[in-house]
Amino acid sequence: MVMGFTLVEMMVTMGVMAAVVTMMFFNYSGFNRGIMINRAARALAYVLRDAQSRSVNVSQLTACNPSPCSNFGVYINKTSPKNGEIILFTDRDANGRYDATGTCGGGTDECVTKTLFTNGVTVSDLRAPPLSATHDAFNVLFYRPDPTVKIKNDIVGDPPLSDGVVGPFRIFIKHPSVSVNCSIDPLTPTPDCKTIRIWLTGQISIEQ
């Protein structure tokens, strides 16, 4: 007697296999998005900590007013075409803001290094306490020896956003699959978004 599968059994088996493959595909897609957004969040946190470390270690550059440079900072902008750039800079003219020259790493450039988000990750929003006001840009500056933290926007004449508050200042980043801005409510986080929090005490954290 020859044993084998009936047509019905084969169709059921193929249906189960198709369902398993489909589930694996969607799970992999979500897993891959998670890796991308986590990598971008870590890259931003690393540059912030690098600026903080350079300030503490008294890394010195020339051509500052006053000289040597006494600070290092990070510039983040959510508007195009700057969105996706993380600028590590030193405030050579002591105006509390990053002044772009179009180059990076030169003897008189404020830009020290530039890091780019990959895989289409962008900045969704920038929020400052105490009322969680939104801003187009953050200039996060660390001054030695503590390092003291000062944060400004890009509007000339505005006082530092960090005056009279401790934090957190929040940077929201999102995967390109997210078509809306990331939720600013920590109780209802948006999938495939990450929040980088900066406190004036020097703490830098990554949260969902």
Protein backbone atom coordinates (compact mmCIF):
# COMPACT_ATOMS: atom_id res chain seq x y z
CA MET A 1 0.00 0.00 0.00
CA VAL A 2 1.44 3.34 -1.06
CA MET A 3 1.12 6.09 1.52
CA GLY A 4 1.11 9.77 0.57
CA PHE A 5 -0.49 13.14 1.09
CA THR A 6 -3.91 13.98 -0.20
CA LEU A 7 -4.49 17.18 -2.11
CA VAL A 8 -6.31 18.66 0.90
CA GLU A 9 -3.41 17.84 3.23
CA MET A 10 -0.91 19.45 0.85
CA MET A 11 -3.02 22.60 0.54
CA VAL A 12 -3.34 22.89 4.34
CA THR A 13 0.41 22.42 4.76
CA MET A 14 1.20 25.05 2.14
CA GLY A 15 -1.29 27.45 3.76
CA VAL A 16 0.38 27.03 7.16
CA MET A 17 3.83 27.55 5.64
CA ALA A 18 2.64 30.70 3.84
CA ALA A 19 1.23 32.08 7.10
CA VAL A 20 4.50 31.38 8.94
CA VAL A 21 6.57 33.05 6.23
CA THR A 22 4.27 36.08 6.25
CA MET A 23 4.57 36.42 10.04
CA MET A 24 8.34 36.11 9.83
CA PHE A 25 8.49 38.81 7.14
CA PHE A 26 6.47 41.33 9.14
CA ASN A 27 8.36 40.56 12.35
CA TYR A 28 11.67 40.99 10.54
CA SER A 29 10.53 44.30 9.07
CA GLY A 30 9.63 45.64 12.52
CA PHE A 31 12.85 44.27 13.98
CA ASN A 32 14.87 45.96 11.24
CA ARG A 33 13.14 49.31 11.83
CA GLY A 34 13.92 48.97 15.53
CA ILE A 35 17.60 48.43 14.80
CA MET A 36 17.74 51.51 12.55
CA ILE A 37 16.08 53.88 15.02
CA ASN A 38 18.12 52.53 17.94
CA ARG A 39 21.33 53.02 15.97
CA ALA A 40 20.40 56.63 15.18
CA ALA A 41 19.51 57.38 18.80
CA ARG A 42 22.82 55.95 20.00
CA ALA A 43 24.71 57.97 17.39
CA LEU A 44 23.12 61.22 18.59
CA ALA A 45 23.69 60.36 22.26
CA TYR A 46 27.32 59.51 21.47
CA VAL A 47 27.96 62.90 19.82
CA LEU A 48 26.36 64.68 22.79
CA ARG A 49 28.55 62.75 25.21
CA ASP A 50 31.59 63.38 23.01
CA ALA A 51 31.01 67.15 23.21
CA GLN A 52 30.53 66.84 26.96
CA SER A 53 33.73 64.83 27.30
CA ARG A 54 35.77 67.25 25.18
CA SER A 55 34.65 70.10 27.43
CA VAL A 56 35.57 68.22 30.61
CA ASN A 57 38.94 67.16 29.20
CA VAL A 58 39.80 70.74 28.22
CA SER A 59 40.28 69.93 24.56
CA GLN A 60 41.59 73.17 23.12
CA LEU A 61 41.18 74.74 19.72
CA THR A 62 42.62 78.05 18.58
CA ALA A 63 41.01 80.96 16.74
CA CYS A 64 38.38 81.55 19.42
CA ASN A 65 37.30 84.78 21.06
CA PRO A 66 38.46 84.52 23.78
CA SER A 67 41.12 81.92 23.00
CA PRO A 68 41.39 79.00 23.58
CA CYS A 69 37.88 77.69 22.95
CA SER A 70 36.19 76.90 26.25
CA ASN A 71 33.25 74.91 25.01
CA PHE A 72 31.99 72.18 22.72
CA GLY A 73 28.43 71.68 21.61
CA VAL A 74 26.01 69.85 19.36
CA TYR A 75 23.75 71.46 16.79
CA ILE A 76 20.48 69.78 15.77
CA ASN A 77 17.98 71.23 13.29
CA LYS A 78 14.65 69.68 12.30
CA THR A 79 14.14 71.77 9.16
CA SER A 80 15.21 70.74 5.66
CA PRO A 81 17.94 70.44 4.38
CA LYS A 82 19.71 70.36 7.75
CA ASN A 83 17.48 67.65 9.20
CA GLY A 84 19.50 64.47 9.64
CA GLU A 85 22.78 66.22 10.45
CA ILE A 86 24.45 66.09 13.88
CA ILE A 87 27.07 68.83 14.13
CA LEU A 88 29.75 68.70 16.83
CA PHE A 89 31.03 72.27 17.06
CA THR A 90 32.88 74.79 19.16
CA ASP A 91 31.45 78.28 19.61
CA ARG A 92 34.41 80.31 18.38
CA ASP A 93 32.70 83.71 18.48
CA ALA A 94 30.96 83.07 21.83
CA ASN A 95 27.45 83.86 20.58
CA GLY A 96 26.01 80.62 21.96
CA ARG A 97 25.08 79.28 18.52
CA TYR A 98 26.53 77.26 15.68
CA ASP A 99 27.59 79.43 12.74
CA ALA A 100 27.82 77.33 9.60
CA THR A 101 30.58 78.11 7.11
CA GLY A 102 29.89 75.34 4.63
CA THR A 103 32.97 73.38 5.64
CA CYS A 104 33.90 71.22 8.59
CA GLY A 105 37.18 70.57 10.38
CA GLY A 106 39.13 73.58 9.14
CA GLY A 107 41.32 75.81 11.27
CA THR A 108 38.67 78.48 11.73
CA ASP A 109 35.46 76.48 11.21
CA GLU A 110 33.08 76.10 14.12
CA CYS A 111 32.15 72.64 12.85
CA VAL A 112 34.48 69.98 14.27
CA THR A 113 32.75 66.85 12.96
CA LYS A 114 29.50 66.09 11.16
CA THR A 115 27.52 62.88 11.61
CA LEU A 116 24.57 61.95 9.41
CA PHE A 117 21.57 59.86 10.31
CA THR A 118 21.32 56.87 7.97
CA ASN A 119 18.40 54.92 6.47
CA GLY A 120 16.19 58.01 6.27
CA VAL A 121 15.94 58.64 10.03
CA THR A 122 15.06 62.29 10.76
CA VAL A 123 14.40 64.63 13.67
CA SER A 124 10.66 64.76 14.34
CA ASP A 125 10.58 67.48 16.99
CA LEU A 126 12.61 69.48 19.50
CA ARG A 127 10.92 70.33 22.80
CA ALA A 128 12.06 72.61 25.62
CA PRO A 129 10.74 72.89 29.19
CA PRO A 130 8.87 74.11 31.12
CA LEU A 131 5.89 74.17 28.70
CA SER A 132 7.28 71.72 26.14
CA ALA A 133 7.51 74.47 23.51
CA THR A 134 8.63 73.31 20.06
CA HIS A 135 11.73 74.72 18.35
CA ASP A 136 13.37 74.35 14.94
CA ALA A 137 16.90 73.99 16.33
CA PHE A 138 18.88 73.26 19.48
CA ASN A 139 22.40 74.52 20.16
CA VAL A 140 23.52 72.36 23.11
CA LEU A 141 26.73 73.80 24.58
CA PHE A 142 28.90 72.30 27.31
CA TYR A 143 31.27 74.66 29.15
CA ARG A 144 34.09 73.52 31.38
CA PRO A 145 34.83 72.72 34.12
CA ASP A 146 31.51 71.14 35.30
CA PRO A 147 30.53 71.06 32.39
CA THR A 148 27.83 73.73 32.55
CA VAL A 149 25.09 73.16 29.94
CA LYS A 150 23.45 75.95 27.98
CA ILE A 151 20.86 75.43 25.24
CA LYS A 152 19.75 78.03 22.71
CA ASN A 153 17.56 78.10 19.64
CA ASP A 154 18.54 79.77 16.34
CA ILE A 155 16.72 83.06 16.95
CA VAL A 156 19.26 85.87 17.42
CA GLY A 157 18.50 87.88 20.53
CA ASP A 158 16.54 85.17 22.32
CA PRO A 159 17.82 84.24 25.79
CA PRO A 160 19.04 80.70 26.41
CA LEU A 161 16.23 78.15 26.58
CA SER A 162 18.03 76.67 29.58
CA ASP A 163 17.59 79.76 31.79
CA GLY A 164 15.65 78.89 34.95
CA VAL A 165 15.00 75.23 34.11
CA VAL A 166 16.74 71.92 34.68
CA GLY A 167 15.19 69.85 31.91
CA PRO A 168 14.54 67.63 30.23
CA PHE A 169 15.12 69.00 26.76
CA ARG A 170 13.80 66.39 24.35
CA ILE A 171 14.92 65.44 20.85
CA PHE A 172 12.48 63.17 19.02
CA ILE A 173 13.72 61.12 16.07
CA LYS A 174 11.70 58.83 13.83
CA HIS A 175 12.03 56.09 11.21
CA PRO A 176 10.92 57.12 7.68
CA SER A 177 7.99 54.71 7.94
CA VAL A 178 6.43 57.05 10.54
CA SER A 179 4.26 59.57 8.67
CA VAL A 180 3.32 61.70 11.69
CA ASN A 181 5.31 63.51 14.35
CA CYS A 182 6.37 61.40 17.32
CA SER A 183 4.08 61.60 20.33
CA ILE A 184 5.40 63.94 23.04
CA ASP A 185 3.42 62.05 25.69
CA PRO A 186 5.73 59.45 27.33
CA LEU A 187 2.65 57.37 28.24
CA THR A 188 1.67 56.93 24.58
CA PRO A 189 4.94 56.60 22.64
CA THR A 190 4.85 56.34 18.86
CA PRO A 191 6.27 53.07 17.47
CA ASP A 192 9.59 53.46 15.64
CA CYS A 193 10.35 56.74 17.43
CA LYS A 194 13.01 57.45 20.06
CA THR A 195 13.47 60.32 22.49
CA ILE A 196 16.86 61.65 23.59
CA ARG A 197 16.57 63.59 26.85
CA ILE A 198 19.10 66.17 27.99
CA TRP A 199 19.22 67.50 31.54
CA LEU A 200 21.28 70.50 32.62
CA THR A 201 22.82 68.26 35.26
CA GLY A 202 24.66 66.56 32.39
CA GLN A 203 22.49 63.45 32.17
CA ILE A 204 21.75 62.20 28.63
CA SER A 205 19.32 59.33 28.16
CA ILE A 206 17.53 57.45 25.38
CA GLU A 207 13.88 56.54 25.87
CA GLN A 208 11.02 55.13 23.81
